[in-house]
Amino acid sequence: MLSIHPGATETPVWDGSGVPSERLMRADSVARAVVGLTLLDANTVAETITLRPGPGDL
């Protein structure tokens, strides 16, 4: 079981919020992280992953 907790990600839900896009993670970056985690060898377990924007939480 893999539980991924992405922070603020640049998606339409943020449109009109006034939050600059530089403060949000790019959706493709989150997607690449998820794909990478699913490609781990069977002897490696990722259980809980928290992804946060580089500039810090909102």
N, C-alpha and C. Protein backbone atom coordinates (compact mmCIF):
# COMPACT_ATOMS: atom_id res chain seq x y z
N MET A 1 0.86 -1.16 0.00
CA MET A 1 0.00 0.00 0.00
C MET A 1 0.90 1.22 0.00
N LEU A 2 0.61 2.15 -0.86
CA LEU A 2 1.37 3.39 -0.96
C LEU A 2 0.41 4.55 -0.76
N SER A 3 0.72 5.40 0.17
CA SER A 3 -0.11 6.58 0.45
C SER A 3 0.71 7.82 0.12
N ILE A 4 0.24 8.59 -0.84
CA ILE A 4 0.96 9.79 -1.28
C ILE A 4 0.15 11.02 -0.90
N HIS A 5 0.81 11.95 -0.26
CA HIS A 5 0.15 13.17 0.21
C HIS A 5 0.79 14.38 -0.47
N PRO A 6 0.28 14.77 -1.64
CA PRO A 6 0.87 15.94 -2.30
C PRO A 6 0.36 17.23 -1.68
N GLY A 7 1.25 18.18 -1.57
CA GLY A 7 0.85 19.52 -1.12
C GLY A 7 0.23 20.29 -2.27
N ALA A 8 0.30 21.59 -2.17
CA ALA A 8 -0.32 22.47 -3.16
C ALA A 8 0.26 22.22 -4.55
N THR A 9 -0.60 21.75 -5.45
CA THR A 9 -0.19 21.38 -6.80
C THR A 9 -0.94 22.26 -7.80
N GLU A 10 -0.21 22.71 -8.81
CA GLU A 10 -0.79 23.61 -9.82
C GLU A 10 -1.84 22.86 -10.65
N THR A 11 -3.09 23.01 -10.24
CA THR A 11 -4.24 22.42 -10.92
C THR A 11 -5.33 23.48 -10.98
N PRO A 12 -6.39 23.24 -11.76
CA PRO A 12 -7.45 24.24 -11.88
C PRO A 12 -8.09 24.65 -10.55
N VAL A 13 -7.98 23.83 -9.52
CA VAL A 13 -8.60 24.18 -8.24
C VAL A 13 -7.99 25.48 -7.68
N TRP A 14 -6.76 25.81 -8.10
CA TRP A 14 -6.10 27.02 -7.60
C TRP A 14 -6.38 28.24 -8.48
N ASP A 15 -7.04 28.05 -9.63
CA ASP A 15 -7.35 29.19 -10.51
C ASP A 15 -8.14 30.25 -9.74
N GLY A 16 -7.72 31.47 -9.84
CA GLY A 16 -8.41 32.58 -9.19
C GLY A 16 -8.14 32.69 -7.70
N SER A 17 -7.23 31.87 -7.17
CA SER A 17 -6.95 31.90 -5.74
C SER A 17 -6.01 33.03 -5.34
N GLY A 18 -5.31 33.57 -6.31
CA GLY A 18 -4.34 34.61 -6.02
C GLY A 18 -2.97 34.05 -5.61
N VAL A 19 -2.86 32.74 -5.52
CA VAL A 19 -1.58 32.11 -5.17
C VAL A 19 -0.73 32.06 -6.44
N PRO A 20 0.47 32.62 -6.40
CA PRO A 20 1.32 32.59 -7.60
C PRO A 20 1.71 31.15 -7.95
N SER A 21 1.74 30.84 -9.24
CA SER A 21 2.03 29.47 -9.68
C SER A 21 3.42 29.02 -9.23
N GLU A 22 4.33 29.96 -8.96
CA GLU A 22 5.67 29.60 -8.50
C GLU A 22 5.62 28.94 -7.12
N ARG A 23 4.55 29.15 -6.37
CA ARG A 23 4.40 28.57 -5.04
C ARG A 23 3.82 27.16 -5.08
N LEU A 24 3.38 26.73 -6.26
CA LEU A 24 2.71 25.43 -6.40
C LEU A 24 3.63 24.42 -7.09
N MET A 25 3.47 23.16 -6.73
CA MET A 25 4.20 22.11 -7.44
C MET A 25 3.55 21.92 -8.80
N ARG A 26 4.36 21.58 -9.77
CA ARG A 26 3.81 21.28 -11.08
C ARG A 26 3.23 19.88 -11.05
N ALA A 27 2.08 19.72 -11.67
CA ALA A 27 1.40 18.42 -11.68
C ALA A 27 2.28 17.34 -12.31
N ASP A 28 3.05 17.69 -13.34
CA ASP A 28 3.90 16.68 -13.97
C ASP A 28 5.03 16.24 -13.04
N SER A 29 5.48 17.12 -12.15
CA SER A 29 6.50 16.73 -11.17
C SER A 29 5.93 15.72 -10.19
N VAL A 30 4.71 15.96 -9.74
CA VAL A 30 4.05 15.02 -8.82
C VAL A 30 3.85 13.69 -9.53
N ALA A 31 3.41 13.74 -10.78
CA ALA A 31 3.17 12.51 -11.55
C ALA A 31 4.46 11.71 -11.71
N ARG A 32 5.58 12.39 -12.00
CA ARG A 32 6.86 11.68 -12.15
C ARG A 32 7.26 11.01 -10.84
N ALA A 33 7.02 11.69 -9.72
CA ALA A 33 7.34 11.09 -8.42
C ALA A 33 6.51 9.83 -8.18
N VAL A 34 5.23 9.90 -8.50
CA VAL A 34 4.34 8.75 -8.31
C VAL A 34 4.78 7.58 -9.19
N VAL A 35 5.07 7.87 -10.45
CA VAL A 35 5.51 6.80 -11.36
C VAL A 35 6.82 6.20 -10.84
N GLY A 36 7.76 7.04 -10.42
CA GLY A 36 9.02 6.54 -9.89
C GLY A 36 8.82 5.62 -8.70
N LEU A 37 7.92 5.97 -7.82
CA LEU A 37 7.65 5.16 -6.64
C LEU A 37 7.03 3.82 -7.01
N THR A 38 6.21 3.80 -8.05
CA THR A 38 5.59 2.54 -8.46
C THR A 38 6.58 1.62 -9.18
N LEU A 39 7.71 2.17 -9.59
CA LEU A 39 8.71 1.37 -10.31
C LEU A 39 9.80 0.82 -9.39
N LEU A 40 9.68 1.02 -8.10
CA LEU A 40 10.68 0.51 -7.16
C LEU A 40 10.74 -1.01 -7.22
N ASP A 41 11.92 -1.55 -6.94
CA ASP A 41 12.07 -3.00 -6.88
C ASP A 41 11.18 -3.57 -5.80
N ALA A 42 10.84 -4.84 -5.94
CA ALA A 42 9.95 -5.51 -4.99
C ALA A 42 10.52 -5.55 -3.58
N ASN A 43 11.85 -5.43 -3.45
CA ASN A 43 12.45 -5.48 -2.12
C ASN A 43 12.52 -4.09 -1.46
N THR A 44 11.89 -3.11 -2.08
CA THR A 44 11.85 -1.75 -1.54
C THR A 44 10.39 -1.35 -1.37
N VAL A 45 10.04 -0.87 -0.18
CA VAL A 45 8.67 -0.49 0.11
C VAL A 45 8.61 1.00 0.43
N ALA A 46 7.78 1.71 -0.28
CA ALA A 46 7.47 3.10 0.04
C ALA A 46 6.07 3.10 0.62
N GLU A 47 5.92 3.58 1.83
CA GLU A 47 4.61 3.51 2.47
C GLU A 47 3.88 4.85 2.50
N THR A 48 4.50 5.86 3.05
CA THR A 48 3.86 7.16 3.14
C THR A 48 4.82 8.21 2.58
N ILE A 49 4.39 8.91 1.57
CA ILE A 49 5.22 9.92 0.92
C ILE A 49 4.48 11.26 0.99
N THR A 50 5.17 12.27 1.47
CA THR A 50 4.62 13.62 1.51
C THR A 50 5.43 14.48 0.54
N LEU A 51 4.75 15.07 -0.42
CA LEU A 51 5.38 15.97 -1.39
C LEU A 51 4.93 17.39 -1.06
N ARG A 52 5.89 18.30 -0.99
CA ARG A 52 5.57 19.69 -0.69
C ARG A 52 6.22 20.61 -1.73
N PRO A 53 5.63 21.77 -1.97
CA PRO A 53 6.24 22.73 -2.87
C PRO A 53 7.60 23.20 -2.34
N GLY A 54 8.55 23.39 -3.24
CA GLY A 54 9.88 23.85 -2.85
C GLY A 54 9.90 25.14 -2.06
N PRO A 55 9.08 26.14 -2.41
CA PRO A 55 9.09 27.39 -1.64
C PRO A 55 8.50 27.24 -0.23
N GLY A 56 7.94 26.10 0.09
CA GLY A 56 7.35 25.88 1.40
C GLY A 56 5.83 25.77 1.32
N ASP A 57 5.25 25.30 2.41
CA ASP A 57 3.80 25.15 2.47
C ASP A 57 3.09 26.50 2.39
N LEU A 58 1.86 26.43 1.92
CA LEU A 58 1.05 27.65 1.87
C LEU A 58 0.36 27.86 3.20
